[in-house]
Amino acid sequence: MDGRLLQLRFRIGLWLAARIMPVRVRGRELKPLLADYEPGADRTLSGLEATYVIDAVRRSTRHPWTMRDRRCLRQGLLAYRYLTKAGFRPALHFGVDRKSLADPRVRAHCWIVLDGKVVLNPPSENMVTVLVYDGPRSLAGARLPALDAIADRSAA
């Protein structure tokens, strides 16, 4: 596929996904949400550069009216999906701020790691990783009710 056509196809799909996402995310548990954003074997965006995908995700989620709360979750899900479709192997990390564990409102965060480097939403030094999602096998047998509860209470 022509490079410009590939970029156009990607940008339209990302734009639509970013606008629909607030409705799709609200009130959902983490496991089914991750399953929804898992592209499986779809590599139809092979040829796009990782930095192009990440920059486009940042641009598509920068306006608060489209991504009000939990921006890192929405950016993480979109970046994971589209980086995977472009042929990369990203890992979506979920963490909690250890200093907030005693607070009524636990602070959570997620970020993207590619080739061992944080490429989107770097965590603070207080973040403790509680889950690394790099495909459906990473959830095999995982029970996530505590993480779902943290995500519900989080403002990250």
Foldseek 3Di string as FASTA:
>chain_A
DDPVVLVVVVLVVLLVCLQCVVVVPPPDFDPVVLVVLAPPPQQVSAPDDLVVQLVSLCVSQVDCVSPPFPSQVSSLSSSLNVCVSNPFFKKKWKWWQPVCPVPPATAIGIFIDGPNHTDGDDDDPRTDTDAIDRDPVSCVVPDCPVVRVNVVRHRD
